[in-house]
């Protein structure tokens, strides 16, 4: 009985002391009466547009490094409207950067390794986009189609 009662008393006492000290700190050092906290002004983002990347074929590599097949991906990148032309001009460099990464990352999923791992492929595309297009140019990556080739 003592083995259970003593830790339980310590737990309740520690919780009460912690809650009391938090309340006292807030009471004595908290926000002065009449002061208001300023809410940040909402930042209006420039509307985004989607840039379609031509279909790509990528190897489906298992975790042990063996090739299990290929998959075809269709991707769209969300960018600022003012960046559409610049991003479109850099698409060949993006495809090259994706190709350099796909064989290193295990993209095969499923029991037979013939399903593409979309999360890993999205990470590959984001890393490649940061390198080939710029660190803050691409907002989101949308994989619109993925099928075994």
N, C-alpha and C. Protein backbone atom coordinates (compact mmCIF):
# COMPACT_ATOMS: atom_id res chain seq x y z
N UNK A 1 0.81 -1.18 0.00
CA UNK A 1 0.00 0.00 0.00
C UNK A 1 0.87 1.26 0.00
N UNK A 2 1.97 1.23 0.80
CA UNK A 2 2.86 2.38 0.87
C UNK A 2 3.55 2.63 -0.47
N UNK A 3 3.84 1.57 -1.22
CA UNK A 3 4.53 1.70 -2.50
C UNK A 3 3.69 2.49 -3.50
N UNK A 4 2.40 2.38 -3.43
CA UNK A 4 1.51 3.09 -4.35
C UNK A 4 1.14 4.46 -3.82
N UNK A 5 0.93 4.58 -2.54
CA UNK A 5 0.45 5.82 -1.95
C UNK A 5 1.48 6.94 -2.00
N UNK A 6 2.74 6.65 -1.70
CA UNK A 6 3.78 7.69 -1.67
C UNK A 6 4.00 8.35 -3.05
N UNK A 7 4.18 7.59 -4.15
CA UNK A 7 4.32 8.25 -5.45
C UNK A 7 3.08 9.02 -5.87
N UNK A 8 1.90 8.53 -5.48
CA UNK A 8 0.66 9.22 -5.81
C UNK A 8 0.58 10.57 -5.10
N UNK A 9 0.97 10.60 -3.84
CA UNK A 9 0.99 11.86 -3.08
C UNK A 9 2.01 12.81 -3.69
N UNK A 10 3.19 12.31 -4.06
CA UNK A 10 4.20 13.16 -4.70
C UNK A 10 3.70 13.74 -6.01
N UNK A 11 3.00 12.95 -6.78
CA UNK A 11 2.47 13.40 -8.07
C UNK A 11 1.43 14.50 -7.87
N UNK A 12 0.52 14.31 -6.95
CA UNK A 12 -0.52 15.31 -6.69
C UNK A 12 0.09 16.59 -6.12
N UNK A 13 1.02 16.46 -5.19
CA UNK A 13 1.67 17.63 -4.60
C UNK A 13 2.47 18.39 -5.64
N UNK A 14 3.22 17.70 -6.46
CA UNK A 14 4.01 18.35 -7.52
C UNK A 14 3.13 19.07 -8.52
N UNK A 15 2.01 18.47 -8.90
CA UNK A 15 1.08 19.13 -9.82
C UNK A 15 0.48 20.37 -9.22
N UNK A 16 0.11 20.30 -7.94
CA UNK A 16 -0.48 21.46 -7.27
C UNK A 16 0.54 22.59 -7.14
N UNK A 17 1.76 22.27 -6.78
CA UNK A 17 2.81 23.30 -6.66
C UNK A 17 3.10 23.93 -8.01
N UNK A 18 3.19 23.12 -9.04
CA UNK A 18 3.45 23.65 -10.39
C UNK A 18 2.33 24.54 -10.88
N UNK A 19 1.09 24.12 -10.69
CA UNK A 19 -0.04 24.94 -11.13
C UNK A 19 -0.12 26.23 -10.34
N UNK A 20 0.13 26.14 -9.03
CA UNK A 20 0.10 27.34 -8.19
C UNK A 20 1.20 28.33 -8.56
N UNK A 21 2.39 27.83 -8.84
CA UNK A 21 3.47 28.75 -9.21
C UNK A 21 3.21 29.37 -10.59
N UNK A 22 2.62 28.65 -11.48
CA UNK A 22 2.27 29.22 -12.79
C UNK A 22 1.22 30.31 -12.65
N UNK A 23 0.22 30.07 -11.82
CA UNK A 23 -0.82 31.07 -11.60
C UNK A 23 -0.24 32.32 -10.93
N UNK A 24 0.62 32.11 -9.93
CA UNK A 24 1.21 33.24 -9.21
C UNK A 24 2.12 34.06 -10.13
N UNK A 25 2.88 33.40 -10.97
CA UNK A 25 3.75 34.12 -11.90
C UNK A 25 2.92 34.94 -12.86
N UNK A 26 1.87 34.37 -13.39
CA UNK A 26 1.00 35.11 -14.30
C UNK A 26 0.31 36.26 -13.59
N UNK A 27 -0.07 36.04 -12.34
CA UNK A 27 -0.77 37.08 -11.58
C UNK A 27 0.15 38.27 -11.31
N UNK A 28 1.39 38.00 -10.89
CA UNK A 28 2.31 39.09 -10.53
C UNK A 28 3.07 39.67 -11.72
N UNK A 29 3.42 38.88 -12.70
CA UNK A 29 4.23 39.35 -13.81
C UNK A 29 3.50 39.34 -15.14
N UNK A 30 2.24 39.05 -15.13
CA UNK A 30 1.47 38.92 -16.37
C UNK A 30 1.25 40.26 -17.06
N UNK A 31 0.37 40.27 -18.04
CA UNK A 31 0.05 41.46 -18.81
C UNK A 31 -0.58 42.51 -17.90
N UNK A 32 -0.08 43.76 -17.93
CA UNK A 32 -0.66 44.79 -17.09
C UNK A 32 -2.13 45.03 -17.45
N UNK A 33 -2.88 45.50 -16.45
CA UNK A 33 -4.30 45.75 -16.67
C UNK A 33 -4.49 46.83 -17.73
N UNK A 34 -5.40 46.62 -18.62
CA UNK A 34 -5.69 47.58 -19.67
C UNK A 34 -4.82 47.42 -20.91
N UNK A 35 -3.76 46.62 -20.83
CA UNK A 35 -2.90 46.42 -21.99
C UNK A 35 -3.54 45.38 -22.90
N UNK A 36 -3.41 45.61 -24.17
CA UNK A 36 -3.94 44.65 -25.13
C UNK A 36 -2.79 44.09 -25.95
N UNK A 37 -2.94 42.88 -26.37
CA UNK A 37 -1.93 42.29 -27.23
C UNK A 37 -2.30 42.58 -28.67
N UNK A 38 -1.34 43.06 -29.42
CA UNK A 38 -1.60 43.42 -30.81
C UNK A 38 -1.65 42.16 -31.66
N UNK A 39 -2.68 42.07 -32.49
CA UNK A 39 -2.78 40.96 -33.42
C UNK A 39 -2.03 41.34 -34.69
N UNK A 40 -1.27 40.40 -35.22
CA UNK A 40 -0.54 40.72 -36.44
C UNK A 40 -1.50 40.95 -37.61
N UNK A 41 -1.12 41.87 -38.45
CA UNK A 41 -1.91 42.15 -39.65
C UNK A 41 -1.85 40.94 -40.57
N UNK A 42 -2.98 40.51 -41.11
CA UNK A 42 -2.93 39.37 -42.04
C UNK A 42 -2.17 39.77 -43.31
N UNK A 43 -1.26 38.91 -43.70
CA UNK A 43 -0.48 39.16 -44.91
C UNK A 43 -1.21 38.53 -46.08
N UNK A 44 -1.49 39.34 -47.07
CA UNK A 44 -2.17 38.81 -48.25
C UNK A 44 -1.12 38.24 -49.19
N UNK A 45 -1.25 36.95 -49.43
CA UNK A 45 -0.33 36.29 -50.35
C UNK A 45 -0.78 36.54 -51.78
N UNK A 46 0.20 36.59 -52.63
CA UNK A 46 -0.09 36.70 -54.05
C UNK A 46 -0.76 35.40 -54.48
N UNK A 47 -1.80 35.49 -55.30
CA UNK A 47 -2.46 34.25 -55.71
C UNK A 47 -1.49 33.33 -56.45
N UNK A 48 -1.66 32.05 -56.21
CA UNK A 48 -0.75 31.08 -56.82
C UNK A 48 -1.32 30.52 -58.11
N UNK A 49 -0.42 30.03 -58.93
CA UNK A 49 -0.78 29.33 -60.16
C UNK A 49 -0.02 28.03 -60.18
N UNK A 50 -0.56 27.08 -60.90
CA UNK A 50 0.09 25.78 -61.01
C UNK A 50 0.83 25.68 -62.33
N UNK A 51 2.06 25.21 -62.25
CA UNK A 51 2.89 24.96 -63.42
C UNK A 51 2.98 23.45 -63.58
N UNK A 52 2.61 22.95 -64.74
CA UNK A 52 2.63 21.51 -65.00
C UNK A 52 4.01 21.09 -65.48
N UNK A 53 4.55 20.08 -64.80
CA UNK A 53 5.83 19.50 -65.21
C UNK A 53 5.51 18.36 -66.17
N UNK A 54 6.24 18.25 -67.28
CA UNK A 54 5.99 17.13 -68.20
C UNK A 54 6.12 15.78 -67.47
N UNK A 55 5.37 14.76 -67.91
CA UNK A 55 5.43 13.46 -67.23
C UNK A 55 6.86 12.93 -67.14
N UNK A 56 7.17 12.35 -65.99
CA UNK A 56 8.51 11.83 -65.73
C UNK A 56 8.43 10.36 -65.37
N UNK A 57 9.41 9.60 -65.82
CA UNK A 57 9.53 8.21 -65.43
C UNK A 57 10.67 8.11 -64.44
N UNK A 58 10.40 7.46 -63.30
CA UNK A 58 11.40 7.35 -62.25
C UNK A 58 11.54 5.88 -61.85
N UNK A 59 12.75 5.48 -61.45
CA UNK A 59 12.95 4.10 -61.01
C UNK A 59 12.36 3.88 -59.62
N UNK A 60 11.74 2.73 -59.43
CA UNK A 60 11.24 2.33 -58.12
C UNK A 60 12.29 1.44 -57.48
N UNK A 61 13.02 2.03 -56.54
CA UNK A 61 14.11 1.32 -55.88
C UNK A 61 13.64 0.88 -54.50
N UNK A 62 13.93 -0.38 -54.17
CA UNK A 62 13.59 -0.90 -52.86
C UNK A 62 14.58 -0.39 -51.82
N UNK A 63 14.27 -0.62 -50.53
CA UNK A 63 15.15 -0.14 -49.46
C UNK A 63 16.54 -0.78 -49.51
N UNK A 64 16.63 -1.99 -50.06
CA UNK A 64 17.93 -2.65 -50.14
C UNK A 64 18.71 -2.24 -51.39
N UNK A 65 18.16 -1.32 -52.19
CA UNK A 65 18.87 -0.79 -53.35
C UNK A 65 18.55 -1.50 -54.66
N UNK A 66 17.70 -2.51 -54.64
CA UNK A 66 17.37 -3.25 -55.86
C UNK A 66 16.25 -2.54 -56.61
N UNK A 67 16.33 -2.59 -57.93
CA UNK A 67 15.32 -1.99 -58.79
C UNK A 67 14.13 -2.93 -58.91
N UNK A 68 12.93 -2.41 -58.63
CA UNK A 68 11.74 -3.25 -58.73
C UNK A 68 10.89 -2.89 -59.94
N UNK A 69 11.15 -1.77 -60.57
CA UNK A 69 10.40 -1.35 -61.74
C UNK A 69 10.49 0.15 -61.93
N UNK A 70 9.57 0.67 -62.73
CA UNK A 70 9.55 2.11 -63.01
C UNK A 70 8.13 2.62 -62.82
N UNK A 71 8.01 3.91 -62.55
CA UNK A 71 6.71 4.55 -62.42
C UNK A 71 6.73 5.87 -63.17
N UNK A 72 5.57 6.24 -63.71
CA UNK A 72 5.43 7.53 -64.39
C UNK A 72 4.66 8.47 -63.48
N UNK A 73 5.19 9.68 -63.32
CA UNK A 73 4.60 10.67 -62.43
C UNK A 73 4.22 11.91 -63.23
N UNK A 74 3.09 12.50 -62.86
CA UNK A 74 2.72 13.81 -63.36
C UNK A 74 2.64 14.73 -62.15
N UNK A 75 3.31 15.88 -62.26
CA UNK A 75 3.48 16.78 -61.13
C UNK A 75 3.01 18.17 -61.52
N UNK A 76 2.50 18.90 -60.53
CA UNK A 76 2.22 20.32 -60.71
C UNK A 76 2.84 21.07 -59.53
N UNK A 77 3.43 22.22 -59.82
CA UNK A 77 4.07 23.05 -58.81
C UNK A 77 3.26 24.31 -58.61
N UNK A 78 2.93 24.63 -57.37
CA UNK A 78 2.23 25.89 -57.10
C UNK A 78 3.28 26.97 -56.86
N UNK A 79 3.19 28.04 -57.67
CA UNK A 79 4.13 29.16 -57.58
C UNK A 79 3.34 30.46 -57.63
N UNK A 80 4.01 31.57 -57.29
CA UNK A 80 3.39 32.89 -57.42
C UNK A 80 3.13 33.18 -58.89
N UNK A 81 2.08 33.96 -59.15
CA UNK A 81 1.74 34.29 -60.54
C UNK A 81 2.90 34.99 -61.25
N UNK A 82 3.62 35.81 -60.51
CA UNK A 82 4.73 36.55 -61.13
C UNK A 82 5.92 35.64 -61.45
N UNK A 83 5.96 34.43 -60.91
CA UNK A 83 7.09 33.52 -61.11
C UNK A 83 6.83 32.43 -62.13
N UNK A 84 5.65 32.41 -62.74
CA UNK A 84 5.28 31.31 -63.64
C UNK A 84 6.27 31.18 -64.80
N UNK A 85 6.59 32.28 -65.46
CA UNK A 85 7.50 32.21 -66.61
C UNK A 85 8.91 31.77 -66.19
N UNK A 86 9.38 32.28 -65.07
CA UNK A 86 10.72 31.92 -64.61
C UNK A 86 10.80 30.44 -64.24
N UNK A 87 9.75 29.93 -63.58
CA UNK A 87 9.73 28.52 -63.19
C UNK A 87 9.59 27.64 -64.43
N UNK A 88 8.76 28.04 -65.37
CA UNK A 88 8.59 27.26 -66.60
C UNK A 88 9.90 27.16 -67.36
N UNK A 89 10.67 28.22 -67.38
CA UNK A 89 11.96 28.20 -68.08
C UNK A 89 12.96 27.27 -67.39
N UNK A 90 12.81 27.03 -66.10
CA UNK A 90 13.76 26.19 -65.35
C UNK A 90 13.31 24.73 -65.23
N UNK A 91 12.21 24.34 -65.87
CA UNK A 91 11.70 22.97 -65.75
C UNK A 91 12.70 21.91 -66.19
N UNK A 92 13.45 22.10 -67.29
CA UNK A 92 14.44 21.07 -67.64
C UNK A 92 15.48 20.85 -66.54
N UNK A 93 15.88 21.93 -65.85
CA UNK A 93 16.83 21.79 -64.75
C UNK A 93 16.19 21.06 -63.57
N UNK A 94 14.91 21.30 -63.36
CA UNK A 94 14.19 20.59 -62.30
C UNK A 94 14.13 19.10 -62.61
N UNK A 95 13.79 18.75 -63.85
CA UNK A 95 13.73 17.34 -64.22
C UNK A 95 15.09 16.66 -64.06
N UNK A 96 16.13 17.36 -64.42
CA UNK A 96 17.48 16.81 -64.27
C UNK A 96 17.78 16.58 -62.78
N UNK A 97 17.45 17.55 -61.93
CA UNK A 97 17.71 17.41 -60.50
C UNK A 97 16.90 16.26 -59.90
N UNK A 98 15.67 16.06 -60.38
CA UNK A 98 14.85 14.94 -59.90
C UNK A 98 15.49 13.62 -60.33
N UNK A 99 15.93 13.54 -61.58
CA UNK A 99 16.57 12.32 -62.08
C UNK A 99 17.82 11.96 -61.29
N UNK A 100 18.57 12.96 -60.86
CA UNK A 100 19.78 12.69 -60.09
C UNK A 100 19.48 12.14 -58.70
N UNK A 101 18.28 12.34 -58.21
CA UNK A 101 17.94 11.92 -56.86
C UNK A 101 17.11 10.62 -56.78
N UNK A 102 16.36 10.31 -57.81
CA UNK A 102 15.39 9.22 -57.69
C UNK A 102 16.02 7.85 -57.49
N UNK A 103 17.18 7.59 -58.02
CA UNK A 103 17.76 6.26 -57.85
C UNK A 103 18.37 6.09 -56.46
N UNK A 104 18.59 7.17 -55.73
CA UNK A 104 19.18 7.10 -54.40
C UNK A 104 18.14 6.91 -53.30
N UNK A 105 16.89 7.29 -53.59
CA UNK A 105 15.83 7.27 -52.58
C UNK A 105 14.93 6.06 -52.84
N UNK A 106 14.61 5.30 -51.80
CA UNK A 106 13.69 4.17 -52.01
C UNK A 106 12.27 4.67 -52.30
N UNK A 107 11.88 4.55 -53.56
CA UNK A 107 10.55 5.01 -53.98
C UNK A 107 9.56 3.88 -54.14
N UNK A 108 9.99 2.64 -53.90
CA UNK A 108 9.10 1.50 -54.05
C UNK A 108 8.35 1.24 -52.76
N UNK A 109 7.06 0.97 -52.89
CA UNK A 109 6.22 0.64 -51.74
C UNK A 109 5.37 -0.56 -52.09
N UNK A 110 4.70 -1.08 -51.11
CA UNK A 110 3.85 -2.24 -51.35
C UNK A 110 4.61 -3.54 -51.18
N UNK A 111 3.88 -4.65 -51.19
CA UNK A 111 4.51 -5.96 -50.99
C UNK A 111 5.44 -6.34 -52.13
N UNK A 112 5.05 -6.03 -53.36
CA UNK A 112 5.86 -6.41 -54.51
C UNK A 112 6.79 -5.30 -54.97
N UNK A 113 6.72 -4.13 -54.36
CA UNK A 113 7.60 -3.03 -54.73
C UNK A 113 7.19 -2.32 -56.01
N UNK A 114 5.98 -2.52 -56.46
CA UNK A 114 5.55 -1.91 -57.72
C UNK A 114 4.71 -0.66 -57.52
N UNK A 115 4.41 -0.31 -56.28
CA UNK A 115 3.68 0.92 -56.00
C UNK A 115 4.67 2.03 -55.66
N UNK A 116 4.46 3.22 -56.17
CA UNK A 116 5.36 4.32 -55.83
C UNK A 116 5.04 4.90 -54.46
N UNK A 117 6.08 5.26 -53.71
CA UNK A 117 5.94 5.92 -52.41
C UNK A 117 5.82 7.42 -52.67
N UNK A 118 4.61 7.95 -52.58
CA UNK A 118 4.36 9.34 -52.94
C UNK A 118 5.02 10.34 -51.99
N UNK A 119 5.09 10.03 -50.71
CA UNK A 119 5.72 10.95 -49.76
C UNK A 119 7.21 11.13 -50.07
N UNK A 120 7.89 10.02 -50.32
CA UNK A 120 9.32 10.13 -50.67
C UNK A 120 9.51 10.85 -51.99
N UNK A 121 8.64 10.58 -52.96
CA UNK A 121 8.79 11.26 -54.25
C UNK A 121 8.53 12.76 -54.09
N UNK A 122 7.56 13.14 -53.28
CA UNK A 122 7.28 14.56 -53.04
C UNK A 122 8.50 15.23 -52.39
N UNK A 123 9.15 14.54 -51.44
CA UNK A 123 10.36 15.09 -50.82
C UNK A 123 11.46 15.27 -51.85
N UNK A 124 11.61 14.31 -52.75
CA UNK A 124 12.62 14.41 -53.80
C UNK A 124 12.34 15.63 -54.67
N UNK A 125 11.09 15.83 -55.05
CA UNK A 125 10.73 16.96 -55.92
C UNK A 125 10.96 18.29 -55.20
N UNK A 126 10.62 18.36 -53.92
CA UNK A 126 10.82 19.60 -53.17
C UNK A 126 12.30 19.93 -53.07
N UNK A 127 13.14 18.94 -52.75
CA UNK A 127 14.59 19.18 -52.67
C UNK A 127 15.13 19.62 -54.03
N UNK A 128 14.70 18.95 -55.09
CA UNK A 128 15.18 19.28 -56.43
C UNK A 128 14.70 20.68 -56.84
N UNK A 129 13.48 21.04 -56.46
CA UNK A 129 12.96 22.37 -56.81
C UNK A 129 13.74 23.46 -56.08
N UNK A 130 14.11 23.22 -54.84
CA UNK A 130 14.91 24.21 -54.11
C UNK A 130 16.24 24.43 -54.78
N UNK A 131 16.82 23.36 -55.31
CA UNK A 131 18.12 23.48 -55.97
C UNK A 131 17.99 24.09 -57.36
N UNK A 132 17.05 23.61 -58.15
CA UNK A 132 16.98 23.99 -59.56
C UNK A 132 16.24 25.30 -59.80
N UNK A 133 15.24 25.60 -58.99
CA UNK A 133 14.41 26.78 -59.24
C UNK A 133 14.71 27.90 -58.26
N UNK A 134 14.92 27.56 -57.01
CA UNK A 134 15.18 28.55 -55.98
C UNK A 134 14.53 28.11 -54.69
N UNK A 135 15.06 28.56 -53.56
CA UNK A 135 14.57 28.05 -52.27
C UNK A 135 13.14 28.44 -51.93
N UNK A 136 12.66 29.59 -52.37
CA UNK A 136 11.32 30.04 -51.97
C UNK A 136 10.38 30.22 -53.15
N UNK A 137 10.67 29.64 -54.27
CA UNK A 137 9.84 29.85 -55.47
C UNK A 137 8.63 28.92 -55.49
N UNK A 138 8.79 27.67 -55.07
CA UNK A 138 7.72 26.68 -55.15
C UNK A 138 7.02 26.60 -53.79
N UNK A 139 5.71 26.85 -53.80
CA UNK A 139 4.92 26.78 -52.55
C UNK A 139 4.60 25.35 -52.18
N UNK A 140 4.02 24.62 -53.14
CA UNK A 140 3.58 23.25 -52.89
C UNK A 140 3.85 22.40 -54.12
N UNK A 141 3.92 21.10 -53.88
CA UNK A 141 4.07 20.12 -54.96
C UNK A 141 2.85 19.22 -54.93
N UNK A 142 2.16 19.13 -56.07
CA UNK A 142 0.99 18.27 -56.19
C UNK A 142 1.31 17.15 -57.17
N UNK A 143 1.24 15.92 -56.71
CA UNK A 143 1.43 14.78 -57.58
C UNK A 143 0.03 14.40 -58.08
N UNK A 144 -0.20 14.65 -59.36
CA UNK A 144 -1.54 14.45 -59.89
C UNK A 144 -1.77 13.06 -60.47
N UNK A 145 -0.67 12.36 -60.77
CA UNK A 145 -0.82 11.01 -61.32
C UNK A 145 0.46 10.24 -61.05
N UNK A 146 0.31 9.00 -60.60
CA UNK A 146 1.44 8.11 -60.39
C UNK A 146 0.99 6.70 -60.75
N UNK A 147 1.66 6.11 -61.71
CA UNK A 147 1.28 4.76 -62.14
C UNK A 147 2.52 3.99 -62.56
N UNK A 148 2.49 2.68 -62.34
CA UNK A 148 3.63 1.87 -62.78
C UNK A 148 3.81 1.96 -64.28
N UNK A 149 5.06 2.03 -64.71
CA UNK A 149 5.35 2.15 -66.15
C UNK A 149 5.62 0.80 -66.75
